[in-house]
PDB file of all heavy atoms in Angstrom:
ATOM      1  N   LEU A   1       1.448  20.690   0.852  1.00  0.00           N
ATOM      2  CA  LEU A   1       0.385  19.803   1.209  1.00  0.00           C
ATOM      3  C   LEU A   1      -0.171  20.243   2.566  1.00  0.00           C
ATOM      4  O   LEU A   1       0.512  20.654   3.442  1.00  0.00           O
ATOM      5  CB  LEU A   1       0.933  18.368   1.367  1.00  0.00           C
ATOM      6  CG  LEU A   1       1.283  17.587   0.252  1.00  0.00           C
ATOM      7  CD1 LEU A   1       1.730  16.130   0.628  1.00  0.00           C
ATOM      8  CD2 LEU A   1       0.058  17.409  -0.730  1.00  0.00           C
ATOM      9  N   SER A   2      -1.537  20.055   2.727  1.00  0.00           N
ATOM     10  CA  SER A   2      -2.110  20.299   4.058  1.00  0.00           C
ATOM     11  C   SER A   2      -1.728  19.176   4.882  1.00  0.00           C
ATOM     12  O   SER A   2      -1.251  18.061   4.489  1.00  0.00           O
ATOM     13  CB  SER A   2      -3.656  20.399   3.905  1.00  0.00           C
ATOM     14  OG  SER A   2      -4.149  19.102   3.586  1.00  0.00           O
ATOM     15  N   ASP A   3      -1.916  19.374   6.212  1.00  0.00           N
ATOM     16  CA  ASP A   3      -1.556  18.325   7.239  1.00  0.00           C
ATOM     17  C   ASP A   3      -2.467  17.039   6.924  1.00  0.00           C
ATOM     18  O   ASP A   3      -1.909  15.933   7.029  1.00  0.00           O
ATOM     19  CB  ASP A   3      -1.819  18.761   8.664  1.00  0.00           C
ATOM     20  CG  ASP A   3      -0.724  19.737   9.089  1.00  0.00           C
ATOM     21  OD1 ASP A   3       0.342  19.837   8.424  1.00  0.00           O
ATOM     22  OD2 ASP A   3      -1.000  20.528  10.043  1.00  0.00           O
ATOM     23  N   ASP A   4      -3.716  17.214   6.554  1.00  0.00           N
ATOM     24  CA  ASP A   4      -4.566  16.077   6.255  1.00  0.00           C
ATOM     25  C   ASP A   4      -4.117  15.380   4.980  1.00  0.00           C
ATOM     26  O   ASP A   4      -4.021  14.154   4.969  1.00  0.00           O
ATOM     27  CB  ASP A   4      -6.020  16.522   6.004  1.00  0.00           C
ATOM     28  CG  ASP A   4      -6.720  16.940   7.288  1.00  0.00           C
ATOM     29  OD1 ASP A   4      -6.236  16.610   8.362  1.00  0.00           O
ATOM     30  OD2 ASP A   4      -7.790  17.620   7.179  1.00  0.00           O
ATOM     31  N   GLN A   5      -3.649  16.088   3.960  1.00  0.00           N
ATOM     32  CA  GLN A   5      -3.122  15.455   2.738  1.00  0.00           C
ATOM     33  C   GLN A   5      -1.864  14.659   3.064  1.00  0.00           C
ATOM     34  O   GLN A   5      -1.678  13.555   2.604  1.00  0.00           O
ATOM     35  CB  GLN A   5      -2.892  16.471   1.693  1.00  0.00           C
ATOM     36  CG  GLN A   5      -4.102  17.048   1.058  1.00  0.00           C
ATOM     37  CD  GLN A   5      -3.856  18.109   0.030  1.00  0.00           C
ATOM     38  OE1 GLN A   5      -3.002  18.957   0.226  1.00  0.00           O
ATOM     39  NE2 GLN A   5      -4.536  18.044  -1.135  1.00  0.00           N
ATOM     40  N   ARG A   6      -0.966  15.271   3.873  1.00  0.00           N
ATOM     41  CA  ARG A   6       0.304  14.611   4.196  1.00  0.00           C
ATOM     42  C   ARG A   6      -0.028  13.314   4.952  1.00  0.00           C
ATOM     43  O   ARG A   6       0.628  12.295   4.737  1.00  0.00           O
ATOM     44  CB  ARG A   6       1.169  15.615   5.053  1.00  0.00           C
ATOM     45  CG  ARG A   6       2.561  15.008   5.321  1.00  0.00           C
ATOM     46  CD  ARG A   6       3.446  16.035   5.964  1.00  0.00           C
ATOM     47  NE  ARG A   6       3.658  17.206   5.179  1.00  0.00           N
ATOM     48  CZ  ARG A   6       4.482  17.316   4.136  1.00  0.00           C
ATOM     49  NH1 ARG A   6       5.247  16.263   3.843  1.00  0.00           N
ATOM     50  NH2 ARG A   6       4.584  18.410   3.432  1.00  0.00           N
ATOM     51  N   THR A   7      -0.962  13.325   5.916  1.00  0.00           N
ATOM     52  CA  THR A   7      -1.337  12.097   6.679  1.00  0.00           C
ATOM     53  C   THR A   7      -1.912  11.057   5.732  1.00  0.00           C
ATOM     54  O   THR A   7      -1.573   9.878   5.825  1.00  0.00           O
ATOM     55  CB  THR A   7      -2.362  12.509   7.765  1.00  0.00           C
ATOM     56  OG1 THR A   7      -1.750  13.462   8.659  1.00  0.00           O
ATOM     57  CG2 THR A   7      -2.747  11.252   8.498  1.00  0.00           C
ATOM     58  N   ILE A   8      -2.803  11.474   4.786  1.00  0.00           N
ATOM     59  CA  ILE A   8      -3.334  10.487   3.871  1.00  0.00           C
ATOM     60  C   ILE A   8      -2.269   9.859   3.008  1.00  0.00           C
ATOM     61  O   ILE A   8      -2.211   8.674   2.766  1.00  0.00           O
ATOM     62  CB  ILE A   8      -4.415  11.203   2.965  1.00  0.00           C
ATOM     63  CG1 ILE A   8      -5.645  11.580   3.849  1.00  0.00           C
ATOM     64  CG2 ILE A   8      -4.833  10.365   1.741  1.00  0.00           C
ATOM     65  CD1 ILE A   8      -6.632  12.419   3.171  1.00  0.00           C
ATOM     66  N   LEU A   9      -1.326  10.718   2.554  1.00  0.00           N
ATOM     67  CA  LEU A   9      -0.219  10.235   1.722  1.00  0.00           C
ATOM     68  C   LEU A   9       0.658   9.258   2.517  1.00  0.00           C
ATOM     69  O   LEU A   9       1.103   8.200   1.993  1.00  0.00           O
ATOM     70  CB  LEU A   9       0.601  11.392   1.165  1.00  0.00           C
ATOM     71  CG  LEU A   9       1.774  11.068   0.326  1.00  0.00           C
ATOM     72  CD1 LEU A   9       1.259  10.328  -0.972  1.00  0.00           C
ATOM     73  CD2 LEU A   9       2.554  12.281   0.017  1.00  0.00           C
ATOM     74  N   GLN A  10       0.938   9.602   3.767  1.00  0.00           N
ATOM     75  CA  GLN A  10       1.802   8.687   4.568  1.00  0.00           C
ATOM     76  C   GLN A  10       1.081   7.357   4.851  1.00  0.00           C
ATOM     77  O   GLN A  10       1.717   6.290   4.798  1.00  0.00           O
ATOM     78  CB  GLN A  10       2.107   9.379   5.963  1.00  0.00           C
ATOM     79  CG  GLN A  10       3.077  10.499   5.737  1.00  0.00           C
ATOM     80  CD  GLN A  10       3.337  11.390   7.007  1.00  0.00           C
ATOM     81  OE1 GLN A  10       2.400  11.402   7.814  1.00  0.00           O
ATOM     82  NE2 GLN A  10       4.449  12.071   7.028  1.00  0.00           N
ATOM     83  N   VAL A  11      -0.247   7.363   5.030  1.00  0.00           N
ATOM     84  CA  VAL A  11      -1.007   6.112   5.244  1.00  0.00           C
ATOM     85  C   VAL A  11      -0.928   5.293   3.960  1.00  0.00           C
ATOM     86  O   VAL A  11      -0.718   4.024   3.984  1.00  0.00           O
ATOM     87  CB  VAL A  11      -2.495   6.443   5.577  1.00  0.00           C
ATOM     88  CG1 VAL A  11      -3.392   5.177   5.484  1.00  0.00           C
ATOM     89  CG2 VAL A  11      -2.539   6.967   6.976  1.00  0.00           C
ATOM     90  N   TYR A  12      -1.078   5.996   2.798  1.00  0.00           N
ATOM     91  CA  TYR A  12      -1.027   5.263   1.490  1.00  0.00           C
ATOM     92  C   TYR A  12       0.343   4.627   1.309  1.00  0.00           C
ATOM     93  O   TYR A  12       0.485   3.441   0.945  1.00  0.00           O
ATOM     94  CB  TYR A  12      -1.330   6.237   0.314  1.00  0.00           C
ATOM     95  CG  TYR A  12      -0.917   5.746  -1.016  1.00  0.00           C
ATOM     96  CD1 TYR A  12      -1.596   4.737  -1.684  1.00  0.00           C
ATOM     97  CD2 TYR A  12       0.210   6.267  -1.755  1.00  0.00           C
ATOM     98  CE1 TYR A  12      -1.295   4.309  -2.954  1.00  0.00           C
ATOM     99  CE2 TYR A  12       0.528   5.748  -2.948  1.00  0.00           C
ATOM    100  CZ  TYR A  12      -0.186   4.782  -3.599  1.00  0.00           C
ATOM    101  OH  TYR A  12       0.189   4.343  -4.773  1.00  0.00           O
ATOM    102  N   ARG A  13       1.443   5.402   1.586  1.00  0.00           N
ATOM    103  CA  ARG A  13       2.806   4.887   1.393  1.00  0.00           C
ATOM    104  C   ARG A  13       3.072   3.702   2.354  1.00  0.00           C
ATOM    105  O   ARG A  13       3.756   2.801   2.001  1.00  0.00           O
ATOM    106  CB  ARG A  13       3.810   5.971   1.508  1.00  0.00           C
ATOM    107  CG  ARG A  13       3.741   6.989   0.331  1.00  0.00           C
ATOM    108  CD  ARG A  13       4.641   8.211   0.500  1.00  0.00           C
ATOM    109  NE  ARG A  13       6.008   7.900   0.833  1.00  0.00           N
ATOM    110  CZ  ARG A  13       6.939   7.764  -0.114  1.00  0.00           C
ATOM    111  NH1 ARG A  13       6.685   7.853  -1.327  1.00  0.00           N
ATOM    112  NH2 ARG A  13       8.207   7.453   0.235  1.00  0.00           N
ATOM    113  N   GLN A  14       2.526   3.813   3.564  1.00  0.00           N
ATOM    114  CA  GLN A  14       2.751   2.775   4.530  1.00  0.00           C
ATOM    115  C   GLN A  14       2.041   1.455   4.070  1.00  0.00           C
ATOM    116  O   GLN A  14       2.586   0.366   4.206  1.00  0.00           O
ATOM    117  CB  GLN A  14       2.306   3.197   5.937  1.00  0.00           C
ATOM    118  CG  GLN A  14       2.646   2.130   6.987  1.00  0.00           C
ATOM    119  CD  GLN A  14       4.121   1.868   7.093  1.00  0.00           C
ATOM    120  OE1 GLN A  14       4.924   2.813   7.280  1.00  0.00           O
ATOM    121  NE2 GLN A  14       4.554   0.600   7.022  1.00  0.00           N
ATOM    122  N   ALA A  15       0.843   1.633   3.482  1.00  0.00           N
ATOM    123  CA  ALA A  15       0.104   0.491   2.989  1.00  0.00           C
ATOM    124  C   ALA A  15       0.931  -0.171   1.845  1.00  0.00           C
ATOM    125  O   ALA A  15       0.994  -1.375   1.733  1.00  0.00           O
ATOM    126  CB  ALA A  15      -1.255   0.958   2.485  1.00  0.00           C
ATOM    127  N   LEU A  16       1.519   0.639   1.056  1.00  0.00           N
ATOM    128  CA  LEU A  16       2.473   0.071  -0.051  1.00  0.00           C
ATOM    129  C   LEU A  16       3.565  -0.686   0.579  1.00  0.00           C
ATOM    130  O   LEU A  16       3.947  -1.767   0.143  1.00  0.00           O
ATOM    131  CB  LEU A  16       3.026   1.209  -0.925  1.00  0.00           C
ATOM    132  CG  LEU A  16       2.030   1.812  -1.924  1.00  0.00           C
ATOM    133  CD1 LEU A  16       2.747   3.006  -2.622  1.00  0.00           C
ATOM    134  CD2 LEU A  16       1.598   0.862  -2.960  1.00  0.00           C
ATOM    135  N   ARG A  17       4.226  -0.111   1.616  1.00  0.00           N
ATOM    136  CA  ARG A  17       5.366  -0.824   2.247  1.00  0.00           C
ATOM    137  C   ARG A  17       4.899  -2.139   2.909  1.00  0.00           C
ATOM    138  O   ARG A  17       5.655  -3.114   2.948  1.00  0.00           O
ATOM    139  CB  ARG A  17       6.022   0.141   3.309  1.00  0.00           C
ATOM    140  CG  ARG A  17       6.927   1.147   2.738  1.00  0.00           C
ATOM    141  CD  ARG A  17       7.668   1.796   3.862  1.00  0.00           C
ATOM    142  NE  ARG A  17       7.883   3.231   3.691  1.00  0.00           N
ATOM    143  CZ  ARG A  17       7.045   4.204   3.856  1.00  0.00           C
ATOM    144  NH1 ARG A  17       5.780   4.005   4.107  1.00  0.00           N
ATOM    145  NH2 ARG A  17       7.419   5.463   3.565  1.00  0.00           N
ATOM    146  N   ASP A  18       3.669  -2.128   3.466  1.00  0.00           N
ATOM    147  CA  ASP A  18       3.201  -3.326   4.166  1.00  0.00           C
ATOM    148  C   ASP A  18       2.696  -4.427   3.154  1.00  0.00           C
ATOM    149  O   ASP A  18       2.464  -5.555   3.599  1.00  0.00           O
ATOM    150  CB  ASP A  18       2.053  -2.927   5.154  1.00  0.00           C
ATOM    151  CG  ASP A  18       2.538  -2.120   6.264  1.00  0.00           C
ATOM    152  OD1 ASP A  18       3.759  -2.010   6.502  1.00  0.00           O
ATOM    153  OD2 ASP A  18       1.668  -1.395   6.919  1.00  0.00           O
ATOM    154  N   LEU A  19       2.445  -4.095   1.964  1.00  0.00           N
ATOM    155  CA  LEU A  19       1.828  -5.007   0.994  1.00  0.00           C
ATOM    156  C   LEU A  19       2.531  -6.391   0.989  1.00  0.00           C
ATOM    157  O   LEU A  19       1.810  -7.387   1.026  1.00  0.00           O
ATOM    158  CB  LEU A  19       1.786  -4.335  -0.364  1.00  0.00           C
ATOM    159  CG  LEU A  19       0.762  -4.990  -1.328  1.00  0.00           C
ATOM    160  CD1 LEU A  19      -0.670  -4.916  -0.791  1.00  0.00           C
ATOM    161  CD2 LEU A  19       0.867  -4.276  -2.657  1.00  0.00           C
ATOM    162  N   PRO A  20       3.851  -6.462   0.846  1.00  0.00           N
ATOM    163  CA  PRO A  20       4.470  -7.779   0.728  1.00  0.00           C
ATOM    164  C   PRO A  20       4.287  -8.682   1.979  1.00  0.00           C
ATOM    165  O   PRO A  20       4.464  -9.912   1.842  1.00  0.00           O
ATOM    166  CB  PRO A  20       5.975  -7.443   0.517  1.00  0.00           C
ATOM    167  CG  PRO A  20       5.967  -6.056  -0.074  1.00  0.00           C
ATOM    168  CD  PRO A  20       4.829  -5.362   0.593  1.00  0.00           C
ATOM    169  N   SER A  21       3.974  -8.078   3.117  1.00  0.00           N
ATOM    170  CA  SER A  21       3.785  -8.909   4.296  1.00  0.00           C
ATOM    171  C   SER A  21       2.313  -9.248   4.550  1.00  0.00           C
ATOM    172  O   SER A  21       2.039  -9.969   5.514  1.00  0.00           O
ATOM    173  CB  SER A  21       4.388  -8.170   5.498  1.00  0.00           C
ATOM    174  OG  SER A  21       3.668  -6.952   5.750  1.00  0.00           O
ATOM    175  N   GLN A  22       1.449  -8.823   3.670  1.00  0.00           N
ATOM    176  CA  GLN A  22       0.027  -9.158   3.884  1.00  0.00           C
ATOM    177  C   GLN A  22      -0.270 -10.636   3.529  1.00  0.00           C
ATOM    178  O   GLN A  22       0.486 -11.260   2.664  1.00  0.00           O
ATOM    179  CB  GLN A  22      -0.858  -8.274   2.983  1.00  0.00           C
ATOM    180  CG  GLN A  22      -0.952  -6.863   3.462  1.00  0.00           C
ATOM    181  CD  GLN A  22      -1.939  -6.065   2.564  1.00  0.00           C
ATOM    182  OE1 GLN A  22      -2.603  -6.635   1.674  1.00  0.00           O
ATOM    183  NE2 GLN A  22      -1.970  -4.789   2.767  1.00  0.00           N
ATOM    184  N   GLU A  23      -1.287 -11.181   4.070  1.00  0.00           N
ATOM    185  CA  GLU A  23      -1.673 -12.545   3.809  1.00  0.00           C
ATOM    186  C   GLU A  23      -2.068 -12.679   2.335  1.00  0.00           C
ATOM    187  O   GLU A  23      -2.816 -11.757   1.803  1.00  0.00           O
ATOM    188  CB  GLU A  23      -2.830 -12.935   4.645  1.00  0.00           C
ATOM    189  CG  GLU A  23      -3.172 -14.440   4.510  1.00  0.00           C
ATOM    190  CD  GLU A  23      -4.262 -14.917   5.436  1.00  0.00           C
ATOM    191  OE1 GLU A  23      -4.327 -14.381   6.573  1.00  0.00           O
ATOM    192  OE2 GLU A  23      -5.016 -15.789   5.077  1.00  0.00           O
ATOM    193  N   GLY A  24      -1.571 -13.662   1.620  1.00  0.00           N
ATOM    194  CA  GLY A  24      -1.902 -13.842   0.211  1.00  0.00           C
ATOM    195  C   GLY A  24      -0.769 -13.342  -0.707  1.00  0.00           C
ATOM    196  O   GLY A  24      -0.764 -13.710  -1.854  1.00  0.00           O
ATOM    197  N   ALA A  25       0.125 -12.616  -0.096  1.00  0.00           N
ATOM    198  CA  ALA A  25       1.244 -12.074  -0.982  1.00  0.00           C
ATOM    199  C   ALA A  25       2.115 -13.294  -1.335  1.00  0.00           C
ATOM    200  O   ALA A  25       2.198 -14.253  -0.592  1.00  0.00           O
ATOM    201  CB  ALA A  25       2.103 -11.081  -0.219  1.00  0.00           C
ATOM    202  N   PRO A  26       2.569 -13.280  -2.521  1.00  0.00           N
ATOM    203  CA  PRO A  26       2.801 -12.232  -3.516  1.00  0.00           C
ATOM    204  C   PRO A  26       1.711 -12.145  -4.597  1.00  0.00           C
ATOM    205  O   PRO A  26       1.894 -11.455  -5.656  1.00  0.00           O
ATOM    206  CB  PRO A  26       4.146 -12.615  -4.142  1.00  0.00           C
ATOM    207  CG  PRO A  26       4.148 -14.120  -4.179  1.00  0.00           C
ATOM    208  CD  PRO A  26       3.395 -14.441  -2.884  1.00  0.00           C
ATOM    209  N   TRP A  27       0.561 -12.823  -4.424  1.00  0.00           N
ATOM    210  CA  TRP A  27      -0.519 -12.855  -5.406  1.00  0.00           C
ATOM    211  C   TRP A  27       0.056 -13.133  -6.803  1.00  0.00           C
ATOM    212  O   TRP A  27       0.656 -14.189  -7.005  1.00  0.00           O
ATOM    213  CB  TRP A  27      -1.296 -11.561  -5.399  1.00  0.00           C
ATOM    214  CG  TRP A  27      -1.865 -11.238  -4.042  1.00  0.00           C
ATOM    215  CD1 TRP A  27      -2.984 -11.838  -3.532  1.00  0.00           C
ATOM    216  CD2 TRP A  27      -1.362 -10.318  -3.089  1.00  0.00           C
ATOM    217  NE1 TRP A  27      -3.172 -11.327  -2.196  1.00  0.00           N
ATOM    218  CE2 TRP A  27      -2.169 -10.481  -1.959  1.00  0.00           C
ATOM    219  CE3 TRP A  27      -0.275  -9.445  -2.969  1.00  0.00           C
ATOM    220  CZ2 TRP A  27      -1.995  -9.651  -0.809  1.00  0.00           C
ATOM    221  CZ3 TRP A  27      -0.029  -8.706  -1.848  1.00  0.00           C
ATOM    222  CH2 TRP A  27      -0.957  -8.889  -0.787  1.00  0.00           C
ATOM    223  N   ASP A  28      -0.174 -12.200  -7.762  1.00  0.00           N
ATOM    224  CA  ASP A  28       0.296 -12.437  -9.072  1.00  0.00           C
ATOM    225  C   ASP A  28       1.594 -11.612  -9.366  1.00  0.00           C
ATOM    226  O   ASP A  28       1.864 -11.311 -10.560  1.00  0.00           O
ATOM    227  CB  ASP A  28      -0.853 -12.061 -10.114  1.00  0.00           C
ATOM    228  CG  ASP A  28      -1.287 -10.665 -10.007  1.00  0.00           C
ATOM    229  OD1 ASP A  28      -0.890  -9.916  -9.092  1.00  0.00           O
ATOM    230  OD2 ASP A  28      -2.049 -10.201 -10.883  1.00  0.00           O
ATOM    231  N   GLY A  29       2.270 -11.203  -8.361  1.00  0.00           N
ATOM    232  CA  GLY A  29       3.507 -10.511  -8.641  1.00  0.00           C
ATOM    233  C   GLY A  29       3.361  -9.030  -8.927  1.00  0.00           C
ATOM    234  O   GLY A  29       4.189  -8.445  -9.579  1.00  0.00           O
ATOM    235  N   GLY A  30       2.263  -8.462  -8.423  1.00  0.00           N
ATOM    236  CA  GLY A  30       2.023  -7.028  -8.619  1.00  0.00           C
ATOM    237  C   GLY A  30       1.197  -6.660  -9.795  1.00  0.00           C
ATOM    238  O   GLY A  30       1.193  -5.442 -10.235  1.00  0.00           O
ATOM    239  N   ALA A  31       0.536  -7.607 -10.394  1.00  0.00           N
ATOM    240  CA  ALA A  31      -0.318  -7.252 -11.565  1.00  0.00           C
ATOM    241  C   ALA A  31      -1.745  -7.067 -11.092  1.00  0.00           C
ATOM    242  O   ALA A  31      -2.028  -6.547 -10.018  1.00  0.00           O
ATOM    243  CB  ALA A  31      -0.215  -8.399 -12.618  1.00  0.00           C
ATOM    244  N   GLU A  32      -2.766  -7.530 -11.904  1.00  0.00           N
ATOM    245  CA  GLU A  32      -4.163  -7.182 -11.687  1.00  0.00           C
ATOM    246  C   GLU A  32      -4.758  -7.775 -10.415  1.00  0.00           C
ATOM    247  O   GLU A  32      -5.646  -7.209  -9.808  1.00  0.00           O
ATOM    248  CB  GLU A  32      -4.927  -7.700 -12.863  1.00  0.00           C
ATOM    249  CG  GLU A  32      -4.613  -6.919 -14.170  1.00  0.00           C
ATOM    250  CD  GLU A  32      -5.440  -7.507 -15.343  1.00  0.00           C
ATOM    251  OE1 GLU A  32      -6.304  -8.332 -15.175  1.00  0.00           O
ATOM    252  OE2 GLU A  32      -5.112  -7.077 -16.464  1.00  0.00           O
ATOM    253  N   ASP A  33      -4.202  -8.923  -9.984  1.00  0.00           N
ATOM    254  CA  ASP A  33      -4.813  -9.548  -8.823  1.00  0.00           C
ATOM    255  C   ASP A  33      -4.248  -9.057  -7.460  1.00  0.00           C
ATOM    256  O   ASP A  33      -4.678  -9.476  -6.404  1.00  0.00           O
ATOM    257  CB  ASP A  33      -4.622 -11.076  -8.865  1.00  0.00           C
ATOM    258  CG  ASP A  33      -5.433 -11.774 -10.014  1.00  0.00           C
ATOM    259  OD1 ASP A  33      -6.365 -11.149 -10.410  1.00  0.00           O
ATOM    260  OD2 ASP A  33      -5.036 -12.876 -10.408  1.00  0.00           O
ATOM    261  N   THR A  34      -3.338  -8.151  -7.516  1.00  0.00           N
ATOM    262  CA  THR A  34      -2.681  -7.589  -6.319  1.00  0.00           C
ATOM    263  C   THR A  34      -3.620  -6.573  -5.754  1.00  0.00           C
ATOM    264  O   THR A  34      -4.069  -5.617  -6.460  1.00  0.00           O
ATOM    265  CB  THR A  34      -1.326  -6.980  -6.648  1.00  0.00           C
ATOM    266  OG1 THR A  34      -0.510  -8.021  -7.206  1.00  0.00           O
ATOM    267  CG2 THR A  34      -0.673  -6.400  -5.395  1.00  0.00           C
ATOM    268  N   PRO A  35      -3.903  -6.589  -4.491  1.00  0.00           N
ATOM    269  CA  PRO A  35      -4.829  -5.573  -3.836  1.00  0.00           C
ATOM    270  C   PRO A  35      -4.083  -4.282  -3.519  1.00  0.00           C
ATOM    271  O   PRO A  35      -3.838  -3.968  -2.374  1.00  0.00           O
ATOM    272  CB  PRO A  35      -5.310  -6.320  -2.511  1.00  0.00           C
ATOM    273  CG  PRO A  35      -4.185  -7.230  -2.199  1.00  0.00           C
ATOM    274  CD  PRO A  35      -3.622  -7.658  -3.531  1.00  0.00           C
TER     275      PRO A  35
END
């Protein structure tokens, strides 16, 4: 992976980790209404 790709991937994975603590969680439990 290039350094840019690695950074983009790390940002994506961090966004996944942060999802349960976002306002509105747990939405529909990870289905269509989950952002």
